[in-house]
Amino acid sequence: MSGGLLVAGTTSDAGKSVVTAGICRWLVRRGVKVAPFKAQNMSLNSFVTREGAEIGRAQAMQAQAARVEPTALMNPVLLKPGGDRSSQVVLMGKPVGEMSARGYHGGRQEALFSTVVDCLEQLRSTYDAVICEGAGSPAEINLRRTDIVNMGVARAARFPVVVVGDIDRGGVFASFFGTTALLAAEDQSLIAGYLVNKFRGDVSLLEPGLEMLRDLTGRPTYGVLPFAHGLGIDEEDGLRVSLRGTVRESAVAPPHGEDVLRVAVCAVPLMSNFTDVDALAAEPGVVVRFVDRAEELSDADLVVVPGTRGTVKALAWLRERGLADALARRAAEGRPVLGICGGYQVLGEHIEDEVESRAGRVEGLGLLPVRIRFDREKTLARPVGEALGAPVEGYEIHHGVADVFGGEAFVSDDRGHGLDGCRVGAVWGTHWHGALESDAFRRRFLAEVARAAGRRFVPAPDTAFAALREEQLDRLGDLVEEHADTDALLRLIESGAPPGLPFIAPGAPAVPGSRR
């Protein structure tokens, strides 16, 4: 086939990631060898490929949807925010330095475009089709000159573009029209049409608007995807979850035993890889919620301090909000606490940081006998080991190096030698992301948490996280197959060429025949 498509969006969080994954799963079920691609991703949720490259977790999820192994080719540029104005730049899976937004858009971004095009061409030479995901909106006209992820990619590859709009937010018709009208004529010629996402209700009520949109733009709508609850698919960004007052709580299946288990996740600043707790939320009877106040820890059976791109900043935040004192009280009372990556680091005695925050020596919470030193080289690995007598695997993404001088190892090798982490009483810490996706280990860990918390909770014996993830990806494929014009989409992907549709002059009438 050697074709492709760019999935753009009217806004951030319009559903580009899940639509791209759904198209990949639909295509691979048809026997098409397909790969995902996102030239530039800004995300704090990342993953480590088998060759030791760091890429956006959404692209790893899309690769799973396509039933292929994720590689750095699928996400050559990853930006990991360290604040409002700067990010760590990860190129081909390896960090190459911190850069301000002005510096990045002022020249570095354009210099990376040849790498982006080369990666895309390598994928095109290997796969039947490449489904590209855009970023934000292609109508960010202030950034068009340096664009390497939206219309810049579409032009370079001569790929048609489908624009996704989230109708649940409202204003989807204006967003479709305005997005298209703001583009230059050459970019507009690549916009093939639209895809409505997250629709609730009777589609027949929407159809007159879709017809008027076609009259106005000359472009069809390729489908109306219904609002789907409980997909549980990896999100790109934890920043919006960590906003004050925002609580993201999991849906809960009935418990396997007599009781439920309550998990509170501290929504620390620059929270990264909060998907670590998805495997807990998948367990029947386990309630997971993100919190930002000390009083919200009082009824929790387990508190998780997750990863963060700002360990020192997270430590200060925990102290400012009284969460640090609450964690210390829990530890003294023998109530379970789990720290993952940056969350593990804050539980230690002190942190020496001349890399991330450059704050020097900072006192930690002192709940684990661990001292952290930040190294300029980032650890990127896919380790395996054993914990609580069960096999466990994960992935590591951190600058912090831990010196452990007490307690028990969290993860050991098959000879009982410590590999990572520390445990003292009911306080655990590990640098390993994804460890809770190991089913046998997760069950044993939850059983220990339940005993320490005094809960009559029994982990379900048959929860298989990998199988649940496959079911979720199949649901995405079903949404595309059942609610999109798949024949038209397939023709579009096979063509690999722009549809050459007309230019829309700004200020066109709101409805056919109306006066301005």
Protein backbone atom coordinates (compact mmCIF):
# COMPACT_ATOMS: atom_id res chain seq x y z
CA MET A 1 0.00 0.00 0.00
CA SER A 2 2.76 2.49 1.06
CA GLY A 3 0.13 5.03 2.05
CA GLY A 4 -0.60 7.16 5.04
CA LEU A 5 -2.72 9.71 6.83
CA LEU A 6 -2.25 12.56 9.29
CA VAL A 7 -4.77 12.74 12.13
CA ALA A 8 -4.92 16.39 13.22
CA GLY A 9 -7.20 17.98 15.81
CA THR A 10 -9.08 21.21 16.33
CA THR A 11 -7.53 21.43 19.83
CA SER A 12 -5.31 19.57 22.22
CA ASP A 13 -7.11 16.58 23.77
CA ALA A 14 -9.59 16.37 20.89
CA GLY A 15 -8.93 12.64 20.71
CA LYS A 16 -6.09 12.44 18.18
CA SER A 17 -4.17 9.79 20.14
CA VAL A 18 -7.07 7.40 20.58
CA VAL A 19 -8.36 7.92 17.03
CA THR A 20 -4.87 7.17 15.68
CA ALA A 21 -4.74 4.03 17.84
CA GLY A 22 -8.23 3.02 16.68
CA ILE A 23 -7.28 3.41 13.02
CA CYS A 24 -4.11 1.37 13.61
CA ARG A 25 -6.07 -1.45 15.27
CA TRP A 26 -8.74 -1.40 12.54
CA LEU A 27 -6.10 -1.58 9.80
CA VAL A 28 -4.03 -4.35 11.37
CA ARG A 29 -7.18 -6.44 11.77
CA ARG A 30 -7.64 -6.05 8.01
CA GLY A 31 -4.16 -7.46 7.46
CA VAL A 32 -2.46 -4.10 6.81
CA LYS A 33 1.06 -3.74 8.20
CA VAL A 34 0.76 -0.35 9.88
CA ALA A 35 2.88 1.87 12.12
CA PRO A 36 2.05 4.99 14.17
CA PHE A 37 4.11 8.17 13.99
CA LYS A 38 4.22 11.43 15.90
CA ALA A 39 7.04 13.72 14.85
CA GLN A 40 7.06 15.81 18.01
CA ASN A 41 5.31 15.01 21.25
CA MET A 42 5.10 17.15 24.40
CA SER A 43 4.34 14.78 27.23
CA LEU A 44 5.39 13.78 30.73
CA ASN A 45 4.14 10.24 30.14
CA SER A 46 6.89 8.33 28.37
CA PHE A 47 8.04 4.77 27.74
CA VAL A 48 11.32 2.97 27.09
CA THR A 49 11.65 0.84 23.97
CA ARG A 50 13.59 -2.42 23.91
CA GLU A 51 16.59 -0.65 22.40
CA GLY A 52 16.61 1.78 25.34
CA ALA A 53 15.00 4.81 23.65
CA GLU A 54 12.52 7.09 25.42
CA ILE A 55 9.36 7.91 23.46
CA GLY A 56 5.88 9.19 24.27
CA ARG A 57 3.75 6.60 26.01
CA ALA A 58 0.89 7.34 23.61
CA GLN A 59 3.05 6.21 20.69
CA ALA A 60 3.94 3.01 22.57
CA MET A 61 0.21 2.43 23.05
CA GLN A 62 -0.43 3.09 19.35
CA ALA A 63 2.32 0.62 18.42
CA GLN A 64 0.58 -1.96 20.59
CA ALA A 65 -2.65 -1.16 18.76
CA ALA A 66 -0.80 -1.80 15.49
CA ARG A 67 0.72 -5.01 16.97
CA VAL A 68 4.28 -3.87 16.33
CA GLU A 69 7.25 -3.19 18.60
CA PRO A 70 7.60 0.53 19.45
CA THR A 71 10.80 2.24 18.30
CA ALA A 72 12.30 5.72 18.42
CA LEU A 73 11.38 6.14 14.74
CA MET A 74 7.75 6.47 15.82
CA ASN A 75 8.42 9.54 18.00
CA PRO A 76 11.75 11.14 17.06
CA VAL A 77 11.24 14.31 19.14
CA LEU A 78 9.87 14.22 22.69
CA LEU A 79 9.58 17.37 24.81
CA LYS A 80 9.30 16.84 28.58
CA PRO A 81 8.19 20.06 30.31
CA GLY A 82 10.17 21.15 33.34
CA GLY A 83 8.08 24.28 33.88
CA ASP A 84 5.99 26.80 31.96
CA ARG A 85 8.81 27.93 29.67
CA SER A 86 11.33 25.12 29.27
CA SER A 87 11.47 21.45 28.39
CA GLN A 88 13.96 18.65 28.15
CA VAL A 89 14.45 17.78 24.48
CA VAL A 90 14.67 14.05 23.79
CA LEU A 91 15.93 13.29 20.29
CA MET A 92 15.72 9.76 18.91
CA GLY A 93 15.12 8.48 22.42
CA LYS A 94 18.03 10.25 24.15
CA PRO A 95 18.04 13.58 26.05
CA VAL A 96 20.04 16.32 24.34
CA GLY A 97 19.46 19.18 26.79
CA GLU A 98 17.01 21.68 28.26
CA MET A 99 15.62 24.42 26.04
CA SER A 100 13.26 27.35 26.41
CA ALA A 101 10.17 27.50 24.23
CA ARG A 102 11.55 30.60 22.51
CA GLY A 103 14.87 28.89 21.81
CA TYR A 104 13.19 25.77 20.49
CA HIS A 105 10.80 27.60 18.16
CA GLY A 106 13.52 30.10 17.28
CA GLY A 107 15.58 27.68 15.26
CA ARG A 108 16.14 24.28 16.88
CA GLN A 109 12.77 22.96 15.77
CA GLU A 110 13.44 23.63 12.10
CA ALA A 111 16.85 21.95 12.39
CA LEU A 112 15.14 18.76 13.57
CA PHE A 113 12.85 18.55 10.56
CA SER A 114 15.31 16.50 8.47
CA THR A 115 15.41 13.91 11.28
CA VAL A 116 11.61 13.81 11.36
CA VAL A 117 11.35 13.32 7.58
CA ASP A 118 14.05 10.64 7.62
CA CYS A 119 12.25 8.67 10.36
CA LEU A 120 8.95 8.89 8.52
CA GLU A 121 10.55 7.68 5.28
CA GLN A 122 12.14 4.73 7.08
CA LEU A 123 8.73 3.73 8.43
CA ARG A 124 7.13 4.15 5.00
CA SER A 125 9.74 1.84 3.47
CA THR A 126 8.92 -0.85 6.05
CA TYR A 127 5.15 -0.64 6.52
CA ASP A 128 2.12 -0.68 4.24
CA ALA A 129 0.74 2.44 5.93
CA VAL A 130 1.85 5.04 8.45
CA ILE A 131 -0.80 6.80 10.55
CA CYS A 132 0.61 10.09 11.82
CA GLU A 133 -0.71 12.01 14.79
CA GLY A 134 -0.53 15.77 14.86
CA ALA A 135 -0.10 17.93 17.96
CA GLY A 136 -2.39 20.61 19.34
CA SER A 137 -4.03 22.23 16.33
CA PRO A 138 -2.67 22.79 12.81
CA ALA A 139 -4.23 26.27 12.96
CA GLU A 140 -1.67 27.59 15.45
CA ILE A 141 -0.63 30.13 12.84
CA ASN A 142 1.94 31.77 15.12
CA LEU A 143 3.94 28.51 14.98
CA ARG A 144 3.37 27.50 11.35
CA ARG A 145 6.81 28.61 10.15
CA THR A 146 8.52 26.13 12.47
CA ASP A 147 5.88 23.39 12.35
CA ILE A 148 7.33 19.88 12.13
CA VAL A 149 4.39 17.88 13.45
CA ASN A 150 1.19 19.02 11.71
CA MET A 151 0.96 20.47 8.21
CA GLY A 152 4.75 20.45 7.87
CA VAL A 153 4.69 16.67 8.04
CA ALA A 154 1.64 16.43 5.78
CA ARG A 155 3.32 18.58 3.13
CA ALA A 156 6.60 16.68 3.30
CA ALA A 157 4.90 13.29 2.99
CA ARG A 158 2.05 14.49 0.73
CA PHE A 159 -0.36 12.86 3.18
CA PRO A 160 -4.07 13.70 3.35
CA VAL A 161 -5.27 15.09 6.69
CA VAL A 162 -8.37 14.25 8.70
CA VAL A 163 -9.22 16.77 11.43
CA VAL A 164 -10.73 15.40 14.67
CA GLY A 165 -13.06 17.57 16.75
CA ASP A 166 -14.37 16.93 20.27
CA ILE A 167 -18.07 17.69 20.07
CA ASP A 168 -18.45 17.13 23.82
CA ARG A 169 -16.70 20.50 24.32
CA GLY A 170 -19.16 22.30 22.04
CA GLY A 171 -18.51 24.47 19.00
CA VAL A 172 -17.29 21.64 16.82
CA PHE A 173 -18.63 23.07 13.52
CA ALA A 174 -16.98 26.44 14.13
CA SER A 175 -13.79 24.62 15.11
CA PHE A 176 -13.75 22.55 11.91
CA PHE A 177 -14.48 25.55 9.70
CA GLY A 178 -12.15 27.91 11.51
CA THR A 179 -9.28 25.42 11.60
CA THR A 180 -9.51 24.93 7.84
CA ALA A 181 -10.06 28.60 6.98
CA LEU A 182 -6.98 29.75 8.92
CA LEU A 183 -4.63 27.54 6.91
CA ALA A 184 -2.72 28.65 3.84
CA ALA A 185 -4.07 27.46 0.50
CA GLU A 186 -1.44 24.73 0.09
CA ASP A 187 -2.14 23.38 3.57
CA GLN A 188 -5.90 23.58 3.01
CA SER A 189 -5.52 21.43 -0.10
CA LEU A 190 -4.36 18.58 2.15
CA ILE A 191 -7.38 18.70 4.48
CA ALA A 192 -9.50 15.79 3.28
CA GLY A 193 -12.28 16.09 5.83
CA TYR A 194 -13.38 15.76 9.42
CA LEU A 195 -14.10 13.22 12.14
CA VAL A 196 -16.45 14.02 15.02
CA ASN A 197 -15.39 12.53 18.35
CA LYS A 198 -17.21 11.95 21.68
CA PHE A 199 -20.77 12.39 20.38
CA ARG A 200 -23.70 11.69 22.70
CA GLY A 201 -27.24 11.27 21.42
CA ASP A 202 -29.07 10.76 18.13
CA VAL A 203 -26.73 11.11 15.12
CA SER A 204 -29.65 12.03 12.87
CA LEU A 205 -29.90 15.36 14.72
CA LEU A 206 -26.29 16.09 13.77
CA GLU A 207 -26.58 15.23 10.09
CA PRO A 208 -27.98 18.59 8.85
CA GLY A 209 -24.95 20.32 10.38
CA LEU A 210 -22.60 17.86 8.69
CA GLU A 211 -24.26 18.57 5.35
CA MET A 212 -23.93 22.33 5.84
CA LEU A 213 -20.27 21.85 6.82
CA ARG A 214 -19.70 20.00 3.56
CA ASP A 215 -21.44 22.75 1.59
CA LEU A 216 -19.26 25.37 3.29
CA THR A 217 -15.93 23.58 3.02
CA GLY A 218 -16.33 21.10 0.18
CA ARG A 219 -15.12 18.40 2.57
CA PRO A 220 -16.93 15.35 3.98
CA THR A 221 -17.12 14.11 7.54
CA TYR A 222 -15.64 10.61 7.72
CA GLY A 223 -17.53 9.51 10.80
CA VAL A 224 -19.15 10.35 14.11
CA LEU A 225 -17.55 8.41 16.95
CA PRO A 226 -19.74 8.01 20.05
CA PHE A 227 -18.62 8.95 23.54
CA ALA A 228 -17.05 5.80 24.99
CA HIS A 229 -16.80 5.36 28.76
CA GLY A 230 -14.01 3.53 30.56
CA LEU A 231 -11.51 3.21 27.75
CA GLY A 232 -8.62 3.62 30.20
CA ILE A 233 -6.16 4.31 27.39
CA ASP A 234 -2.88 6.08 28.17
CA GLU A 235 -3.19 9.85 28.32
CA GLU A 236 -0.36 12.06 27.16
CA ASP A 237 -0.34 14.64 29.86
CA GLY A 238 -0.68 14.56 33.62
CA LEU A 239 -0.60 18.33 34.02
CA ARG A 240 -4.34 18.75 33.77
CA VAL A 241 -4.88 15.96 36.31
CA SER A 242 -2.67 17.76 38.81
CA LEU A 243 -4.61 21.04 38.66
CA ARG A 244 -5.93 22.03 42.06
CA GLY A 245 -9.42 20.75 42.66
CA THR A 246 -9.27 18.21 39.85
CA VAL A 247 -9.85 14.63 40.94
CA ARG A 248 -9.59 11.79 38.49
CA GLU A 249 -11.26 8.75 40.01
CA SER A 250 -11.39 5.30 38.52
CA ALA A 251 -14.52 3.35 37.73
CA VAL A 252 -14.68 0.34 40.03
CA ALA A 253 -15.81 -3.20 39.36
CA PRO A 254 -17.40 -5.02 42.32
CA PRO A 255 -14.78 -6.41 44.73
CA HIS A 256 -13.77 -10.05 44.56
CA GLY A 257 -13.77 -10.26 48.36
CA GLU A 258 -15.76 -8.54 51.10
CA ASP A 259 -14.13 -5.14 50.98
CA VAL A 260 -12.76 -2.45 48.67
CA LEU A 261 -9.29 -0.93 48.71
CA ARG A 262 -8.86 2.84 48.43
CA VAL A 263 -5.77 4.25 46.70
CA ALA A 264 -4.92 7.96 46.83
CA VAL A 265 -2.37 9.28 44.33
CA CYS A 266 -0.68 12.57 45.23
CA ALA A 267 -1.12 14.80 42.17
CA VAL A 268 2.37 16.31 42.40
CA PRO A 269 3.55 19.09 40.06
CA LEU A 270 4.97 17.93 36.71
CA MET A 271 3.52 14.49 37.39
CA SER A 272 4.91 11.92 34.98
CA ASN A 273 3.86 8.40 34.09
CA PHE A 274 0.76 8.52 36.25
CA THR A 275 -0.35 5.59 34.08
CA ASP A 276 1.59 3.45 36.59
CA VAL A 277 -1.59 3.21 38.67
CA ASP A 278 -3.82 2.12 35.77
CA ALA A 279 -3.15 -1.51 36.65
CA LEU A 280 -4.41 -0.86 40.18
CA ALA A 281 -7.55 0.80 38.83
CA ALA A 282 -8.17 -2.27 36.64
CA GLU A 283 -8.48 -4.50 39.72
CA PRO A 284 -12.04 -5.25 40.90
CA GLY A 285 -12.69 -3.45 44.16
CA VAL A 286 -9.78 -1.01 43.93
CA VAL A 287 -10.71 2.69 43.88
CA VAL A 288 -8.00 5.02 42.58
CA ARG A 289 -8.27 8.78 42.90
CA PHE A 290 -5.85 11.69 42.43
CA VAL A 291 -5.73 14.08 45.37
CA ASP A 292 -4.00 17.32 46.37
CA ARG A 293 -5.01 17.88 50.03
CA ALA A 294 -3.75 16.20 53.20
CA GLU A 295 -7.23 15.40 54.49
CA GLU A 296 -7.88 13.29 51.39
CA LEU A 297 -5.27 10.79 52.58
CA SER A 298 -7.12 9.98 55.80
CA ASP A 299 -9.32 7.21 54.41
CA ALA A 300 -6.78 5.85 51.92
CA ASP A 301 -5.51 2.32 52.36
CA LEU A 302 -2.55 3.04 50.09
CA VAL A 303 -0.99 6.36 49.15
CA VAL A 304 1.08 6.52 45.96
CA VAL A 305 3.59 9.29 45.34
CA PRO A 306 4.04 9.06 41.55
CA GLY A 307 6.82 10.04 39.19
CA THR A 308 7.58 13.67 38.43
CA ARG A 309 9.85 15.74 36.20
CA GLY A 310 10.42 18.08 39.15
CA THR A 311 11.44 16.03 42.19
CA VAL A 312 12.54 19.01 44.31
CA LYS A 313 9.48 21.01 43.27
CA ALA A 314 7.25 18.06 44.19
CA LEU A 315 8.93 17.79 47.58
CA ALA A 316 8.26 21.47 48.31
CA TRP A 317 4.66 21.06 47.14
CA LEU A 318 4.10 18.09 49.49
CA ARG A 319 5.37 20.17 52.40
CA GLU A 320 3.38 23.27 51.51
CA ARG A 321 0.11 21.35 51.42
CA GLY A 322 0.69 19.32 54.57
CA LEU A 323 0.94 16.11 52.59
CA ALA A 324 4.52 15.52 53.76
CA ASP A 325 3.41 15.47 57.40
CA ALA A 326 0.49 13.21 56.53
CA LEU A 327 2.85 10.76 54.79
CA ALA A 328 5.16 10.77 57.83
CA ARG A 329 2.23 10.00 60.13
CA ARG A 330 1.16 7.14 57.86
CA ALA A 331 4.64 5.65 57.93
CA ALA A 332 4.80 5.89 61.73
CA GLU A 333 1.43 4.14 61.98
CA GLY A 334 2.47 1.34 59.60
CA ARG A 335 -0.01 2.43 56.91
CA PRO A 336 1.09 1.70 53.31
CA VAL A 337 2.91 4.25 51.14
CA LEU A 338 4.41 3.58 47.69
CA GLY A 339 6.81 5.94 45.93
CA ILE A 340 7.55 5.45 42.22
CA CYS A 341 10.58 7.04 40.53
CA GLY A 342 10.50 10.73 41.59
CA GLY A 343 8.03 9.70 44.30
CA TYR A 344 10.58 7.17 45.56
CA GLN A 345 13.26 9.86 45.60
CA VAL A 346 11.26 12.26 47.81
CA LEU A 347 10.78 9.50 50.41
CA GLY A 348 14.54 9.28 50.98
CA GLU A 349 16.82 11.16 53.37
CA HIS A 350 18.18 13.76 51.00
CA ILE A 351 18.60 14.67 47.34
CA GLU A 352 21.72 16.10 45.69
CA ASP A 353 20.44 17.82 42.55
CA GLU A 354 22.70 19.85 40.27
CA VAL A 355 20.91 18.63 37.14
CA GLU A 356 17.12 18.98 37.24
CA SER A 357 16.45 21.83 39.71
CA ARG A 358 20.12 22.70 40.46
CA ALA A 359 19.01 23.20 44.04
CA GLY A 360 21.98 21.33 45.49
CA ARG A 361 21.31 19.35 48.65
CA VAL A 362 17.64 19.17 49.67
CA GLU A 363 16.33 17.22 52.64
CA GLY A 364 13.84 14.49 51.77
CA LEU A 365 10.98 13.12 53.86
CA GLY A 366 13.27 10.60 55.57
CA LEU A 367 10.85 7.67 55.31
CA LEU A 368 13.38 5.40 53.58
CA PRO A 369 17.15 4.96 54.16
CA VAL A 370 18.00 6.21 50.68
CA ARG A 371 20.16 9.07 49.40
CA ILE A 372 19.66 10.37 45.87
CA ARG A 373 22.26 11.93 43.61
CA PHE A 374 21.20 13.30 40.23
CA ASP A 375 23.44 12.20 37.36
CA ARG A 376 23.62 14.06 34.05
CA GLU A 377 23.24 10.76 32.22
CA LYS A 378 19.65 9.55 32.17
CA THR A 379 18.97 5.91 33.04
CA LEU A 380 16.80 4.32 30.35
CA ALA A 381 16.25 0.59 30.78
CA ARG A 382 13.77 -2.30 30.58
CA PRO A 383 14.73 -4.44 33.62
CA VAL A 384 13.26 -7.69 34.92
CA GLY A 385 13.44 -9.20 38.38
CA GLU A 386 11.45 -10.63 41.26
CA ALA A 387 9.43 -8.97 44.02
CA LEU A 388 7.38 -10.58 46.79
CA GLY A 389 8.30 -13.94 45.24
CA ALA A 390 6.71 -13.10 41.88
CA PRO A 391 8.26 -12.13 38.52
CA VAL A 392 8.17 -8.42 37.74
CA GLU A 393 9.28 -6.25 34.85
CA GLY A 394 9.25 -2.53 34.29
CA TYR A 395 11.05 0.38 32.69
CA GLU A 396 13.35 3.05 34.11
CA ILE A 397 13.48 6.76 33.17
CA HIS A 398 15.42 8.83 35.69
CA HIS A 399 18.48 10.96 36.39
CA GLY A 400 18.48 10.14 40.10
CA VAL A 401 20.91 7.48 41.37
CA ALA A 402 19.90 5.85 44.65
CA ASP A 403 22.34 4.91 47.41
CA VAL A 404 20.41 2.49 49.65
CA PHE A 405 21.90 1.81 53.08
CA GLY A 406 19.16 -0.10 54.88
CA GLY A 407 15.79 -1.78 54.63
CA GLU A 408 14.97 -4.50 52.12
CA ALA A 409 15.30 -4.36 48.35
CA PHE A 410 12.06 -3.74 46.48
CA VAL A 411 13.12 -5.87 43.48
CA SER A 412 15.76 -8.63 43.45
CA ASP A 413 17.31 -10.94 40.89
CA ASP A 414 16.78 -14.71 40.88
CA ARG A 415 19.60 -15.10 43.41
CA GLY A 416 18.10 -12.70 45.91
CA HIS A 417 20.49 -9.84 45.18
CA GLY A 418 18.84 -6.43 45.29
CA LEU A 419 18.23 -4.78 41.93
CA ASP A 420 16.20 -1.71 42.82
CA GLY A 421 14.27 0.16 45.44
CA CYS A 422 13.78 -0.12 49.15
CA ARG A 423 11.19 -1.21 51.69
CA VAL A 424 10.91 -0.38 55.37
CA GLY A 425 7.77 -1.67 57.04
CA ALA A 426 4.78 -0.52 55.00
CA VAL A 427 6.76 2.06 52.99
CA TRP A 428 7.96 0.96 49.55
CA GLY A 429 9.95 2.80 46.91
CA THR A 430 11.12 1.89 43.41
CA HIS A 431 12.48 3.53 40.28
CA TRP A 432 10.63 1.00 38.12
CA HIS A 433 7.64 2.26 36.17
CA GLY A 434 5.13 -0.33 35.01
CA ALA A 435 5.93 -2.85 37.75
CA LEU A 436 2.28 -3.03 38.81
CA GLU A 437 1.37 -4.34 35.35
CA SER A 438 2.99 -7.67 36.37
CA ASP A 439 -0.14 -9.55 37.45
CA ALA A 440 1.22 -11.96 40.08
CA PHE A 441 3.31 -9.27 41.76
CA ARG A 442 0.40 -6.81 41.77
CA ARG A 443 -1.87 -9.34 43.51
CA ARG A 444 0.71 -10.08 46.20
CA PHE A 445 1.41 -6.39 46.71
CA LEU A 446 -2.29 -5.59 47.08
CA ALA A 447 -2.72 -8.48 49.52
CA GLU A 448 0.07 -7.01 51.67
CA VAL A 449 -1.50 -3.56 51.47
CA ALA A 450 -4.87 -4.99 52.52
CA ARG A 451 -3.32 -6.76 55.53
CA ALA A 452 -1.48 -3.61 56.64
CA ALA A 453 -4.63 -1.52 56.16
CA GLY A 454 -6.83 -4.02 58.01
CA ARG A 455 -9.08 -4.50 54.98
CA ARG A 456 -10.87 -7.73 54.07
CA PHE A 457 -9.90 -7.19 50.47
CA VAL A 458 -8.96 -10.15 48.29
CA PRO A 459 -7.29 -9.53 44.90
CA ALA A 460 -9.14 -11.17 42.01
CA PRO A 461 -7.19 -14.26 40.89
CA ASP A 462 -7.67 -13.74 37.17
CA THR A 463 -7.16 -10.04 36.37
CA ALA A 464 -4.76 -9.96 33.41
CA PHE A 465 -3.75 -6.37 32.70
CA ALA A 466 -2.25 -7.08 29.26
CA ALA A 467 -5.46 -8.80 28.17
CA LEU A 468 -7.55 -5.89 29.45
CA ARG A 469 -5.37 -3.49 27.47
CA GLU A 470 -5.91 -5.58 24.34
CA GLU A 471 -9.67 -5.45 24.91
CA GLN A 472 -9.51 -1.66 25.21
CA LEU A 473 -7.54 -1.37 21.97
CA ASP A 474 -10.04 -3.63 20.24
CA ARG A 475 -12.81 -1.31 21.46
CA LEU A 476 -11.02 1.56 19.74
CA GLY A 477 -10.78 -0.47 16.55
CA ASP A 478 -14.49 -1.27 16.84
CA LEU A 479 -15.37 2.42 17.20
CA VAL A 480 -13.60 3.20 13.92
CA GLU A 481 -14.96 0.15 12.12
CA GLU A 482 -18.56 0.67 13.23
CA HIS A 483 -18.88 4.46 13.16
CA ALA A 484 -16.49 5.75 10.49
CA ASP A 485 -16.72 5.53 6.71
CA THR A 486 -13.96 2.93 6.56
CA ASP A 487 -14.18 2.46 2.78
CA ALA A 488 -13.54 6.17 2.25
CA LEU A 489 -10.79 6.19 4.91
CA LEU A 490 -9.07 3.23 3.28
CA ARG A 491 -9.14 4.95 -0.13
CA LEU A 492 -7.69 8.04 1.49
CA ILE A 493 -4.88 6.10 3.19
CA GLU A 494 -4.11 4.09 0.05
CA SER A 495 -3.89 7.19 -2.10
CA GLY A 496 -1.09 8.72 -0.06
CA ALA A 497 -1.70 11.94 -2.01
CA PRO A 498 -3.53 15.20 -1.24
CA PRO A 499 -7.17 15.36 -2.32
CA GLY A 500 -6.63 18.83 -3.85
CA LEU A 501 -9.74 20.33 -2.30
CA PRO A 502 -10.61 24.04 -2.68
CA PHE A 503 -9.43 26.99 -0.66
CA ILE A 504 -11.82 28.47 1.93
CA ALA A 505 -11.73 32.26 2.06
CA PRO A 506 -11.89 33.63 5.62
CA GLY A 507 -15.19 35.37 6.29
CA ALA A 508 -17.30 32.90 4.29
CA PRO A 509 -21.02 32.97 5.16
CA ALA A 510 -22.11 31.03 8.20
CA VAL A 511 -24.67 29.01 6.21
CA PRO A 512 -25.10 28.57 2.46
CA GLY A 513 -26.80 31.60 0.91
CA SER A 514 -26.65 33.82 4.00
CA ARG A 515 -25.59 37.47 3.83
CA ARG A 516 -22.51 38.74 5.60
